[in-house]
């Protein structure tokens, strides 16, 4: 049952990350083409997509949290393993989706902050070149 849960969380977080990549692909491409007016922008786009996938999967598949289903918990009286019920499955699936999206959101926030700073610098340089 644990291996099935691990596989389901991996596939689900992969699908969530792939959906985000697809959703933001054109925006990321436009931003990178504007900031980096060179052929290297396609390489950066590829890297950003890879980073979204890795971030989404690693945030969605929480190995430390899933260990509770195979490692006995120590209590005052006895050691027991938490049972995977249908309610826990629903909770784990929900957590996978939310944590995957949250990890990707933080990564994209950092990217967009640096992209905004780069855009301002490129815009200033262009306006200075035009005025001279």
C-alpha atoms as a PDB file:
ATOM      1  CA  UNK A   1       0.000   0.000   0.000  1.00  0.00           C
ATOM      2  CA  UNK A   2       2.877   2.382   0.824  1.00  0.00           C
ATOM      3  CA  UNK A   3       4.544   1.869  -2.573  1.00  0.00           C
ATOM      4  CA  UNK A   4       1.252   2.615  -4.295  1.00  0.00           C
ATOM      5  CA  UNK A   5       0.921   5.838  -2.301  1.00  0.00           C
ATOM      6  CA  UNK A   6       4.497   6.802  -3.175  1.00  0.00           C
ATOM      7  CA  UNK A   7       3.864   6.136  -6.857  1.00  0.00           C
ATOM      8  CA  UNK A   8       0.544   8.018  -6.833  1.00  0.00           C
ATOM      9  CA  UNK A   9       2.080  11.082  -5.143  1.00  0.00           C
ATOM     10  CA  UNK A  10       4.975  11.039  -7.625  1.00  0.00           C
ATOM     11  CA  UNK A  11       2.713  10.785 -10.677  1.00  0.00           C
ATOM     12  CA  UNK A  12       0.318  13.392  -9.314  1.00  0.00           C
ATOM     13  CA  UNK A  13       3.058  15.897  -8.515  1.00  0.00           C
ATOM     14  CA  UNK A  14       4.599  15.227 -11.946  1.00  0.00           C
ATOM     15  CA  UNK A  15       1.267  15.983 -13.625  1.00  0.00           C
ATOM     16  CA  UNK A  16       0.767  19.140 -11.549  1.00  0.00           C
ATOM     17  CA  UNK A  17       4.263  20.376 -12.419  1.00  0.00           C
ATOM     18  CA  UNK A  18       3.777  19.534 -16.104  1.00  0.00           C
ATOM     19  CA  UNK A  19       0.499  21.459 -16.080  1.00  0.00           C
ATOM     20  CA  UNK A  20       2.192  24.500 -14.552  1.00  0.00           C
ATOM     21  CA  UNK A  21       4.993  24.301 -17.134  1.00  0.00           C
ATOM     22  CA  UNK A  22       2.413  24.214 -19.890  1.00  0.00           C
ATOM     23  CA  UNK A  23       0.422  27.057 -18.347  1.00  0.00           C
ATOM     24  CA  UNK A  24       3.407  29.391 -17.882  1.00  0.00           C
ATOM     25  CA  UNK A  25       5.506  28.363 -20.880  1.00  0.00           C
ATOM     26  CA  UNK A  26       4.557  31.270 -23.171  1.00  0.00           C
ATOM     27  CA  UNK A  27       4.903  33.842 -20.386  1.00  0.00           C
ATOM     28  CA  UNK A  28       8.317  32.546 -19.403  1.00  0.00           C
ATOM     29  CA  UNK A  29       9.434  32.519 -23.022  1.00  0.00           C
ATOM     30  CA  UNK A  30       8.281  36.117 -23.575  1.00  0.00           C
ATOM     31  CA  UNK A  31      10.025  37.308 -20.403  1.00  0.00           C
ATOM     32  CA  UNK A  32      13.284  35.565 -21.232  1.00  0.00           C
ATOM     33  CA  UNK A  33      13.232  36.764 -24.849  1.00  0.00           C
ATOM     34  CA  UNK A  34      12.748  40.335 -23.614  1.00  0.00           C
ATOM     35  CA  UNK A  35      15.485  40.177 -20.976  1.00  0.00           C
ATOM     36  CA  UNK A  36      17.960  38.019 -22.903  1.00  0.00           C
ATOM     37  CA  UNK A  37      17.742  39.034 -26.542  1.00  0.00           C
ATOM     38  CA  UNK A  38      19.891  36.152 -27.669  1.00  0.00           C
ATOM     39  CA  UNK A  39      19.630  32.502 -28.665  1.00  0.00           C
ATOM     40  CA  UNK A  40      20.637  31.543 -25.129  1.00  0.00           C
ATOM     41  CA  UNK A  41      17.156  32.507 -23.899  1.00  0.00           C
ATOM     42  CA  UNK A  42      15.864  29.155 -25.197  1.00  0.00           C
ATOM     43  CA  UNK A  43      18.422  27.359 -23.025  1.00  0.00           C
ATOM     44  CA  UNK A  44      17.316  29.395 -20.015  1.00  0.00           C
ATOM     45  CA  UNK A  45      13.684  28.585 -20.795  1.00  0.00           C
ATOM     46  CA  UNK A  46      14.531  24.913 -20.877  1.00  0.00           C
ATOM     47  CA  UNK A  47      16.310  25.206 -17.526  1.00  0.00           C
ATOM     48  CA  UNK A  48      13.385  27.065 -15.923  1.00  0.00           C
ATOM     49  CA  UNK A  49      10.990  24.363 -17.115  1.00  0.00           C
ATOM     50  CA  UNK A  50      13.283  21.698 -15.662  1.00  0.00           C
ATOM     51  CA  UNK A  51      13.491  23.614 -12.378  1.00  0.00           C
ATOM     52  CA  UNK A  52       9.689  23.829 -12.209  1.00  0.00           C
ATOM     53  CA  UNK A  53       9.434  20.071 -12.712  1.00  0.00           C
ATOM     54  CA  UNK A  54      12.045  19.287 -10.063  1.00  0.00           C
ATOM     55  CA  UNK A  55      10.570  21.764  -7.588  1.00  0.00           C
ATOM     56  CA  UNK A  56       7.036  20.511  -8.125  1.00  0.00           C
ATOM     57  CA  UNK A  57       7.946  16.860  -7.723  1.00  0.00           C
ATOM     58  CA  UNK A  58      10.215  17.352  -4.720  1.00  0.00           C
ATOM     59  CA  UNK A  59       7.646  19.540  -2.964  1.00  0.00           C
ATOM     60  CA  UNK A  60       4.773  17.198  -3.801  1.00  0.00           C
ATOM     61  CA  UNK A  61       6.428  13.920  -2.796  1.00  0.00           C
ATOM     62  CA  UNK A  62       7.189  14.464   0.866  1.00  0.00           C
ATOM     63  CA  UNK A  63       9.285  11.441   1.815  1.00  0.00           C
ATOM     64  CA  UNK A  64       9.615  12.507   5.456  1.00  0.00           C
ATOM     65  CA  UNK A  65       5.841  12.725   5.793  1.00  0.00           C
ATOM     66  CA  UNK A  66       5.244   9.415   4.039  1.00  0.00           C
ATOM     67  CA  UNK A  67       7.636   7.584   6.353  1.00  0.00           C
ATOM     68  CA  UNK A  68       4.966   7.553   9.042  1.00  0.00           C
ATOM     69  CA  UNK A  69       3.182   4.817   7.080  1.00  0.00           C
ATOM     70  CA  UNK A  70       6.137   2.405   7.311  1.00  0.00           C
ATOM     71  CA  UNK A  71       7.936   3.462  10.494  1.00  0.00           C
ATOM     72  CA  UNK A  72       6.362   2.658  13.855  1.00  0.00           C
ATOM     73  CA  UNK A  73       5.480   5.710  15.900  1.00  0.00           C
ATOM     74  CA  UNK A  74       6.655   5.537  19.492  1.00  0.00           C
ATOM     75  CA  UNK A  75       4.053   6.384  22.045  1.00  0.00           C
ATOM     76  CA  UNK A  76       3.960   5.967  25.778  1.00  0.00           C
ATOM     77  CA  UNK A  77       2.547   2.443  25.659  1.00  0.00           C
ATOM     78  CA  UNK A  78       3.191   0.902  22.269  1.00  0.00           C
ATOM     79  CA  UNK A  79       4.791   1.370  18.865  1.00  0.00           C
ATOM     80  CA  UNK A  80       2.364   1.343  15.946  1.00  0.00           C
ATOM     81  CA  UNK A  81       2.293   2.156  12.244  1.00  0.00           C
ATOM     82  CA  UNK A  82      -0.343   4.583  11.009  1.00  0.00           C
ATOM     83  CA  UNK A  83      -2.861   2.803   8.801  1.00  0.00           C
ATOM     84  CA  UNK A  84      -3.569   4.034   5.264  1.00  0.00           C
ATOM     85  CA  UNK A  85      -7.325   4.473   5.221  1.00  0.00           C
ATOM     86  CA  UNK A  86      -9.367   6.021   2.416  1.00  0.00           C
ATOM     87  CA  UNK A  87      -9.526   9.275   4.390  1.00  0.00           C
ATOM     88  CA  UNK A  88      -5.733   9.363   4.659  1.00  0.00           C
ATOM     89  CA  UNK A  89      -5.430   8.674   0.922  1.00  0.00           C
ATOM     90  CA  UNK A  90      -7.624  11.676   0.147  1.00  0.00           C
ATOM     91  CA  UNK A  91      -5.635  13.813   2.568  1.00  0.00           C
ATOM     92  CA  UNK A  92      -2.304  12.716   1.076  1.00  0.00           C
ATOM     93  CA  UNK A  93      -3.513  13.383  -2.464  1.00  0.00           C
ATOM     94  CA  UNK A  94      -4.729  16.834  -1.443  1.00  0.00           C
ATOM     95  CA  UNK A  95      -1.429  17.559   0.311  1.00  0.00           C
ATOM     96  CA  UNK A  96       0.502  16.433  -2.752  1.00  0.00           C
ATOM     97  CA  UNK A  97      -1.340  18.832  -5.045  1.00  0.00           C
ATOM     98  CA  UNK A  98      -1.167  21.774  -2.634  1.00  0.00           C
ATOM     99  CA  UNK A  99       2.476  21.262  -1.660  1.00  0.00           C
ATOM    100  CA  UNK A 100       3.508  20.825  -5.274  1.00  0.00           C
ATOM    101  CA  UNK A 101       1.759  24.050  -6.290  1.00  0.00           C
ATOM    102  CA  UNK A 102       3.148  25.868  -3.266  1.00  0.00           C
ATOM    103  CA  UNK A 103       6.726  24.846  -4.040  1.00  0.00           C
ATOM    104  CA  UNK A 104       6.365  25.910  -7.665  1.00  0.00           C
ATOM    105  CA  UNK A 105       4.735  29.197  -6.644  1.00  0.00           C
ATOM    106  CA  UNK A 106       7.696  30.097  -4.435  1.00  0.00           C
ATOM    107  CA  UNK A 107      10.156  29.189  -7.183  1.00  0.00           C
ATOM    108  CA  UNK A 108       8.288  31.272  -9.754  1.00  0.00           C
ATOM    109  CA  UNK A 109       7.993  34.169  -7.326  1.00  0.00           C
ATOM    110  CA  UNK A 110      11.774  34.256  -6.951  1.00  0.00           C
ATOM    111  CA  UNK A 111      12.198  33.968 -10.723  1.00  0.00           C
ATOM    112  CA  UNK A 112       9.741  36.776 -11.435  1.00  0.00           C
ATOM    113  CA  UNK A 113      11.331  39.084  -8.837  1.00  0.00           C
ATOM    114  CA  UNK A 114      14.739  38.661 -10.482  1.00  0.00           C
ATOM    115  CA  UNK A 115      13.161  38.929 -13.928  1.00  0.00           C
ATOM    116  CA  UNK A 116      11.525  42.211 -12.923  1.00  0.00           C
ATOM    117  CA  UNK A 117      14.847  43.576 -11.700  1.00  0.00           C
ATOM    118  CA  UNK A 118      16.511  42.469 -14.938  1.00  0.00           C
ATOM    119  CA  UNK A 119      13.706  44.021 -16.988  1.00  0.00           C
ATOM    120  CA  UNK A 120      14.139  47.368 -15.231  1.00  0.00           C
ATOM    121  CA  UNK A 121      17.891  47.284 -15.853  1.00  0.00           C
ATOM    122  CA  UNK A 122      17.437  46.377 -19.537  1.00  0.00           C
ATOM    123  CA  UNK A 123      14.768  49.063 -19.955  1.00  0.00           C
ATOM    124  CA  UNK A 124      17.044  51.715 -18.391  1.00  0.00           C
ATOM    125  CA  UNK A 125      19.954  50.703 -20.593  1.00  0.00           C
ATOM    126  CA  UNK A 126      17.767  50.912 -23.699  1.00  0.00           C
ATOM    127  CA  UNK A 127      16.395  54.324 -22.768  1.00  0.00           C
ATOM    128  CA  UNK A 128      19.901  55.642 -22.064  1.00  0.00           C
ATOM    129  CA  UNK A 129      21.095  54.364 -25.445  1.00  0.00           C
ATOM    130  CA  UNK A 130      18.173  56.083 -27.191  1.00  0.00           C
ATOM    131  CA  UNK A 131      18.756  59.400 -25.416  1.00  0.00           C
ATOM    132  CA  UNK A 132      22.489  59.518 -26.261  1.00  0.00           C
END
